[in-house]
Amino acid sequence: MDNLLTDRDFWVKYWESKTDLSVNIPANYLFHRQLADIVSKQNVKTAIELGGFPGYYAVFLKRYLNLDVTLLDYFVHPPITHQLLQTNGLAKGDIKVIETDLFKYEPENTYDLVLSCGLIEHFLDTEDIIKRHIAFLKPGGTLFITLPNFTAVNGWFQKKFDKENYDKHNIESMNPALLADICKRAGLKEVKAGYFGGFSIWLENEKQKSIGVRLFKKTVWFAGKVLTKIIPFESKGLSPYIVLTAKK
């Protein structure tokens, strides 16, 4: 499919390269405040995480916010998800799992909250993938999308030291104004899009990189953390994430 920057084989190899996937999800997991605020103010009862294998946010929403949660992804390896549930004190059936191609699947249900974290940037047609999220939303439901910001420091680091991974991302999608405009044209309301977080950089499979690269990464990471600790601000140049929210 021309819209894809990745395929199933890429994701199989990606997840097979990971270790220790069954982690204990903390109450202060990334974006926890934003999600808790949405659930509380919008009286959210049901949620679906798109492209979320192994299901970290699905687990967070079930464990800490007690939602009826579904996980949908193109690739799901059940033993990993089951172990993740067990590690977090959840039972096998506490999260519904749908393994399917999002581009061929017709939603059978709609949800109060539709979220994805690190999904839409893997597709060339940003408007199309966002509309596929909207198809899962109930009227009055909330859309919550996050993606990395590779347009400045973090992006330079990815491009310089992990070009193969960088090329799997649609850098043009990392534009809050573009994301907001797509949602508004789709008829969504209360649209908000902006940069999130003080500073961070990362590399996939960092342990496989040379000692020199790892030391340089650590030095840049520390310097950026010190800078944004002294002068806390969120910006295109330094913030590691972009967050988009909207209501149907």
Protein backbone atom coordinates (compact mmCIF):
# COMPACT_ATOMS: atom_id res chain seq x y z
CA MET A 1 0.00 0.00 0.00
CA ASP A 2 1.56 3.29 -1.13
CA ASN A 3 0.40 5.12 2.00
CA LEU A 4 2.55 2.92 4.24
CA LEU A 5 6.09 3.75 5.34
CA THR A 6 6.24 0.39 7.13
CA ASP A 7 4.84 -3.10 6.58
CA ARG A 8 3.98 -6.12 8.72
CA ASP A 9 7.46 -7.59 8.31
CA PHE A 10 8.97 -4.37 9.66
CA TRP A 11 6.82 -4.51 12.79
CA VAL A 12 7.45 -8.23 13.37
CA LYS A 13 11.21 -7.57 13.27
CA TYR A 14 10.82 -4.41 15.34
CA TRP A 15 9.03 -6.15 18.19
CA GLU A 16 11.19 -9.24 18.01
CA SER A 17 14.23 -6.98 18.55
CA LYS A 18 12.78 -5.70 21.83
CA THR A 19 13.36 -7.24 25.24
CA ASP A 20 11.57 -6.79 28.55
CA LEU A 21 8.29 -5.71 26.94
CA SER A 22 6.20 -6.81 29.92
CA VAL A 23 6.84 -3.73 32.03
CA ASN A 24 4.93 -2.46 35.04
CA ILE A 25 3.03 0.61 33.77
CA PRO A 26 3.28 3.40 36.38
CA ALA A 27 0.45 5.69 37.42
CA ASN A 28 2.48 8.66 36.10
CA TYR A 29 2.94 7.14 32.64
CA LEU A 30 3.62 9.61 29.81
CA PHE A 31 0.50 11.73 29.05
CA HIS A 32 -1.23 10.43 32.21
CA ARG A 33 -2.44 13.87 33.24
CA GLN A 34 -3.94 14.64 29.86
CA LEU A 35 -5.71 11.28 29.67
CA ALA A 36 -7.01 11.42 33.25
CA ASP A 37 -8.35 14.93 32.61
CA ILE A 38 -10.17 13.82 29.45
CA VAL A 39 -11.68 10.77 31.17
CA SER A 40 -12.85 12.82 34.14
CA LYS A 41 -14.27 15.82 32.29
CA GLN A 42 -15.83 13.89 29.40
CA ASN A 43 -17.19 11.00 31.49
CA VAL A 44 -15.33 8.50 29.30
CA LYS A 45 -16.33 4.86 29.71
CA THR A 46 -14.97 3.18 26.57
CA ALA A 47 -11.69 3.60 24.70
CA ILE A 48 -9.75 2.07 21.82
CA GLU A 49 -6.01 2.30 21.29
CA LEU A 50 -5.06 2.10 17.62
CA GLY A 51 -1.69 0.70 16.61
CA GLY A 52 -0.78 0.21 20.22
CA PHE A 53 0.76 -3.26 20.53
CA PRO A 54 1.81 -4.49 23.07
CA GLY A 55 -0.84 -2.31 24.71
CA TYR A 56 0.84 0.02 27.19
CA TYR A 57 -1.81 2.73 26.98
CA ALA A 58 -4.62 0.20 26.90
CA VAL A 59 -3.22 -1.23 30.14
CA PHE A 60 -2.87 2.26 31.65
CA LEU A 61 -6.48 3.14 30.82
CA LYS A 62 -7.79 -0.12 32.25
CA ARG A 63 -5.58 -0.30 35.33
CA TYR A 64 -5.74 3.29 36.52
CA LEU A 65 -8.86 4.77 34.90
CA ASN A 66 -11.01 1.60 34.86
CA LEU A 67 -12.19 1.99 31.26
CA ASP A 68 -13.65 -0.63 28.95
CA VAL A 69 -10.63 -0.83 26.63
CA THR A 70 -9.92 -2.31 23.20
CA LEU A 71 -6.51 -2.64 21.53
CA LEU A 72 -6.33 -2.71 17.73
CA ASP A 73 -3.15 -3.33 15.78
CA TYR A 74 -1.87 -4.78 12.52
CA PHE A 75 0.45 -7.07 14.48
CA VAL A 76 -0.36 -8.63 17.86
CA HIS A 77 1.65 -11.39 19.52
CA PRO A 78 -0.77 -12.67 22.22
CA PRO A 79 1.83 -14.13 24.63
CA ILE A 80 3.47 -10.70 24.97
CA THR A 81 0.17 -8.92 25.58
CA HIS A 82 -0.97 -11.57 28.05
CA GLN A 83 2.29 -11.30 29.98
CA LEU A 84 1.95 -7.50 30.02
CA LEU A 85 -1.54 -7.84 31.50
CA GLN A 86 -0.30 -10.27 34.13
CA THR A 87 2.60 -8.00 35.09
CA ASN A 88 0.10 -5.20 35.68
CA GLY A 89 -2.34 -7.27 37.73
CA LEU A 90 -4.88 -7.66 34.94
CA ALA A 91 -6.56 -10.79 33.60
CA LYS A 92 -6.39 -12.11 30.06
CA GLY A 93 -9.83 -10.82 29.10
CA ASP A 94 -9.56 -7.39 30.71
CA ILE A 95 -8.62 -5.82 27.37
CA LYS A 96 -10.29 -6.72 24.09
CA VAL A 97 -7.83 -7.29 21.24
CA ILE A 98 -8.45 -6.84 17.52
CA GLU A 99 -5.67 -7.87 15.13
CA THR A 100 -6.50 -6.41 11.75
CA ASP A 101 -5.45 -4.07 8.95
CA LEU A 102 -6.84 -0.65 9.87
CA PHE A 103 -7.22 0.15 6.16
CA LYS A 104 -9.52 -2.80 5.57
CA TYR A 105 -11.42 -2.88 8.85
CA GLU A 106 -14.88 -1.37 9.22
CA PRO A 107 -15.45 -0.31 12.86
CA GLU A 108 -18.03 -2.53 14.56
CA ASN A 109 -18.23 -0.22 17.58
CA THR A 110 -17.60 3.41 18.39
CA TYR A 111 -15.88 4.73 21.51
CA ASP A 112 -15.81 7.67 23.91
CA LEU A 113 -12.03 7.95 23.50
CA VAL A 114 -9.93 7.04 20.46
CA LEU A 115 -6.19 7.32 20.92
CA SER A 116 -2.92 6.47 19.26
CA CYS A 117 0.60 7.22 20.41
CA GLY A 118 3.26 7.03 17.72
CA LEU A 119 1.11 5.75 14.84
CA ILE A 120 0.08 8.42 12.35
CA GLU A 121 3.66 9.45 11.47
CA HIS A 122 4.20 6.06 9.80
CA PHE A 123 1.78 6.95 6.97
CA LEU A 124 2.23 9.31 4.05
CA ASP A 125 -1.41 10.45 3.94
CA THR A 126 -1.86 12.12 7.31
CA GLU A 127 -5.42 13.22 6.62
CA ASP A 128 -6.48 9.70 5.70
CA ILE A 129 -5.07 8.08 8.84
CA ILE A 130 -6.65 10.72 11.08
CA LYS A 131 -10.04 10.18 9.43
CA ARG A 132 -9.69 6.47 10.17
CA HIS A 133 -9.34 7.39 13.84
CA ILE A 134 -12.43 9.58 13.65
CA ALA A 135 -14.46 6.67 12.27
CA PHE A 136 -14.13 4.97 15.68
CA LEU A 137 -15.42 8.01 17.62
CA LYS A 138 -18.86 8.29 19.15
CA PRO A 139 -20.63 11.63 18.72
CA GLY A 140 -19.23 13.75 21.53
CA GLY A 141 -16.21 11.45 21.81
CA THR A 142 -12.62 12.64 22.17
CA LEU A 143 -9.69 12.08 19.83
CA PHE A 144 -6.22 11.93 21.43
CA ILE A 145 -3.20 11.51 19.16
CA THR A 146 0.48 11.86 20.01
CA LEU A 147 3.50 11.58 17.75
CA PRO A 148 7.21 12.30 18.05
CA ASN A 149 8.64 15.63 16.96
CA PHE A 150 11.53 14.94 14.59
CA THR A 151 11.60 18.45 13.13
CA ALA A 152 14.50 19.75 15.24
CA VAL A 153 17.08 18.40 17.74
CA ASN A 154 15.57 14.96 18.24
CA GLY A 155 15.01 14.60 14.52
CA TRP A 156 18.58 15.58 13.71
CA PHE A 157 19.79 12.96 16.18
CA GLN A 158 17.57 10.27 14.61
CA LYS A 159 18.62 11.17 11.07
CA LYS A 160 22.30 11.25 11.95
CA PHE A 161 22.55 8.05 14.00
CA ASP A 162 19.52 5.97 12.96
CA LYS A 163 18.66 6.93 9.39
CA GLU A 164 16.82 3.66 8.74
CA ASN A 165 14.37 4.36 11.55
CA TYR A 166 14.12 8.06 10.65
CA ASP A 167 13.05 7.14 7.11
CA LYS A 168 10.10 5.19 8.50
CA HIS A 169 8.57 8.46 9.67
CA ASN A 170 6.61 11.07 7.72
CA ILE A 171 8.31 14.24 8.95
CA GLU A 172 5.71 16.44 7.24
CA SER A 173 3.03 15.02 9.55
CA MET A 174 4.86 16.54 12.55
CA ASN A 175 3.15 19.89 12.16
CA PRO A 176 0.55 20.98 14.78
CA ALA A 177 -1.08 23.47 12.41
CA LEU A 178 -1.52 20.77 9.76
CA LEU A 179 -3.01 18.32 12.26
CA ALA A 180 -5.42 20.92 13.63
CA ASP A 181 -6.54 21.92 10.15
CA ILE A 182 -7.27 18.30 9.19
CA CYS A 183 -9.47 17.88 12.26
CA LYS A 184 -11.34 21.12 11.69
CA ARG A 185 -12.02 20.24 8.06
CA ALA A 186 -13.31 16.86 9.26
CA GLY A 187 -15.87 18.68 11.41
CA LEU A 188 -14.27 18.13 14.80
CA LYS A 189 -14.56 20.73 17.55
CA GLU A 190 -12.40 22.02 20.42
CA VAL A 191 -9.29 21.19 18.38
CA LYS A 192 -5.95 21.66 20.10
CA ALA A 193 -2.52 20.76 18.73
CA GLY A 194 0.89 21.69 20.05
CA TYR A 195 4.33 20.65 21.18
CA PHE A 196 4.69 18.70 24.41
CA GLY A 197 7.53 18.11 26.83
CA GLY A 198 10.65 20.01 27.81
CA PHE A 199 13.39 18.03 26.10
CA SER A 200 14.35 14.46 25.24
CA ILE A 201 16.17 12.46 22.60
CA TRP A 202 16.25 8.72 22.05
CA LEU A 203 17.46 5.97 19.78
CA GLU A 204 15.78 2.67 19.00
CA ASN A 205 17.85 -0.28 20.20
CA GLU A 206 20.36 2.09 21.74
CA LYS A 207 22.43 -0.74 23.24
CA GLN A 208 23.41 -1.77 19.71
CA LYS A 209 24.98 1.62 18.97
CA SER A 210 28.68 2.36 19.44
CA ILE A 211 29.99 3.60 22.78
CA GLY A 212 30.81 6.95 21.16
CA VAL A 213 27.24 7.46 19.93
CA ARG A 214 25.80 6.44 23.29
CA LEU A 215 28.07 8.85 25.16
CA PHE A 216 27.27 11.70 22.77
CA LYS A 217 23.56 11.00 23.12
CA LYS A 218 23.85 11.02 26.91
CA THR A 219 25.74 14.33 26.84
CA VAL A 220 23.19 16.03 24.59
CA TRP A 221 20.31 14.60 26.62
CA PHE A 222 21.80 15.91 29.88
CA ALA A 223 22.54 19.37 28.46
CA GLY A 224 19.01 19.67 27.08
CA LYS A 225 17.49 18.59 30.38
CA VAL A 226 19.52 21.17 32.29
CA LEU A 227 18.55 23.94 29.85
CA THR A 228 14.81 23.20 30.01
CA LYS A 229 14.98 22.80 33.78
CA ILE A 230 16.38 26.31 34.12
CA ILE A 231 14.07 27.81 31.51
CA PRO A 232 11.06 25.47 31.21
CA PHE A 233 9.21 25.86 27.92
CA GLU A 234 7.73 23.78 25.15
CA SER A 235 8.79 24.49 21.60
CA LYS A 236 9.26 23.12 18.11
CA GLY A 237 13.01 23.12 18.59
CA LEU A 238 13.23 21.11 21.80
CA SER A 239 9.95 19.39 22.68
CA PRO A 240 10.05 15.66 21.90
CA TYR A 241 6.33 15.18 21.22
CA ILE A 242 3.27 16.67 19.52
CA VAL A 243 -0.19 16.21 21.06
CA LEU A 244 -3.50 16.57 19.22
CA THR A 245 -6.93 16.54 20.88
CA ALA A 246 -10.38 17.17 19.43
CA LYS A 247 -14.05 16.31 19.95
CA LYS A 248 -16.52 14.87 17.48
